[in-house]
Amino acid sequence: MLPYFYQFRETVNKINDSSLSNVLVDSKERMLDFYQETCDVVPQVRSSREVK
């Protein structure tokens, strides 16, 4: 028997399934909302410590 988290893995990629387009849009919106709520400010100038 597979571990619990493997029992629900995706086996068919349905990203381009038009009948699920609303799910895709909702998922993207939720992801963007999360990024907006949890993100830090992105610096305009790179740090001198950064590898170039």
C-alpha atoms as a PDB file:
ATOM      1  CA  MET A   1       0.000   0.000   0.000  1.00  0.00           C
ATOM      2  CA  LEU A   2       1.215   3.485  -0.861  1.00  0.00           C
ATOM      3  CA  PRO A   3       1.800   6.118   1.813  1.00  0.00           C
ATOM      4  CA  TYR A   4      -1.153   8.437   2.375  1.00  0.00           C
ATOM      5  CA  PHE A   5       0.236  11.399   0.415  1.00  0.00           C
ATOM      6  CA  TYR A   6       0.850   9.250  -2.680  1.00  0.00           C
ATOM      7  CA  GLN A   7      -2.734   8.047  -2.832  1.00  0.00           C
ATOM      8  CA  PHE A   8      -3.956  11.418  -4.099  1.00  0.00           C
ATOM      9  CA  ARG A   9      -1.233  12.348  -6.540  1.00  0.00           C
ATOM     10  CA  GLU A  10      -2.112  13.687  -9.947  1.00  0.00           C
ATOM     11  CA  THR A  11      -1.875  11.018 -12.622  1.00  0.00           C
ATOM     12  CA  VAL A  12      -3.331  12.943 -15.569  1.00  0.00           C
ATOM     13  CA  ASN A  13      -2.354  16.509 -16.418  1.00  0.00           C
ATOM     14  CA  LYS A  14      -5.547  18.495 -16.976  1.00  0.00           C
ATOM     15  CA  ILE A  15      -4.091  21.981 -17.150  1.00  0.00           C
ATOM     16  CA  ASN A  16      -5.443  22.488 -20.687  1.00  0.00           C
ATOM     17  CA  ASP A  17      -8.845  20.931 -20.059  1.00  0.00           C
ATOM     18  CA  SER A  18     -11.311  23.651 -21.046  1.00  0.00           C
ATOM     19  CA  SER A  19     -14.009  22.271 -18.750  1.00  0.00           C
ATOM     20  CA  LEU A  20     -11.708  23.099 -15.809  1.00  0.00           C
ATOM     21  CA  SER A  21     -10.710  26.591 -16.905  1.00  0.00           C
ATOM     22  CA  ASN A  22     -12.601  28.178 -14.012  1.00  0.00           C
ATOM     23  CA  VAL A  23     -10.595  26.053 -11.558  1.00  0.00           C
ATOM     24  CA  LEU A  24      -7.369  27.240 -13.178  1.00  0.00           C
ATOM     25  CA  VAL A  25      -8.391  30.884 -12.950  1.00  0.00           C
ATOM     26  CA  ASP A  26      -9.435  30.489  -9.309  1.00  0.00           C
ATOM     27  CA  SER A  27      -6.171  28.746  -8.465  1.00  0.00           C
ATOM     28  CA  LYS A  28      -4.110  31.478 -10.086  1.00  0.00           C
ATOM     29  CA  GLU A  29      -6.052  34.159  -8.243  1.00  0.00           C
ATOM     30  CA  ARG A  30      -5.530  32.405  -4.910  1.00  0.00           C
ATOM     31  CA  MET A  31      -1.821  32.023  -5.616  1.00  0.00           C
ATOM     32  CA  LEU A  32      -1.459  35.710  -6.536  1.00  0.00           C
ATOM     33  CA  ASP A  33      -3.391  36.749  -3.437  1.00  0.00           C
ATOM     34  CA  PHE A  34      -1.062  34.640  -1.313  1.00  0.00           C
ATOM     35  CA  TYR A  35       2.010  36.191  -2.947  1.00  0.00           C
ATOM     36  CA  GLN A  36       0.654  39.680  -2.415  1.00  0.00           C
ATOM     37  CA  GLU A  37      -0.123  39.022   1.242  1.00  0.00           C
ATOM     38  CA  THR A  38       3.178  37.343   2.081  1.00  0.00           C
ATOM     39  CA  CYS A  39       5.766  38.974  -0.145  1.00  0.00           C
ATOM     40  CA  ASP A  40       8.592  41.254   0.875  1.00  0.00           C
ATOM     41  CA  VAL A  41       9.533  44.438  -0.881  1.00  0.00           C
ATOM     42  CA  VAL A  42      11.749  43.757  -3.876  1.00  0.00           C
ATOM     43  CA  PRO A  43      14.788  46.059  -3.853  1.00  0.00           C
ATOM     44  CA  GLN A  44      15.268  48.273  -6.889  1.00  0.00           C
ATOM     45  CA  VAL A  45      19.056  47.971  -6.745  1.00  0.00           C
ATOM     46  CA  ARG A  46      20.930  44.700  -6.347  1.00  0.00           C
ATOM     47  CA  SER A  47      22.974  44.116  -3.245  1.00  0.00           C
ATOM     48  CA  SER A  48      26.748  44.209  -3.540  1.00  0.00           C
ATOM     49  CA  ARG A  49      26.766  40.771  -1.849  1.00  0.00           C
ATOM     50  CA  GLU A  50      24.858  39.243  -4.725  1.00  0.00           C
ATOM     51  CA  VAL A  51      26.762  37.085  -7.196  1.00  0.00           C
ATOM     52  CA  LYS A  52      26.812  38.697 -10.618  1.00  0.00           C
END
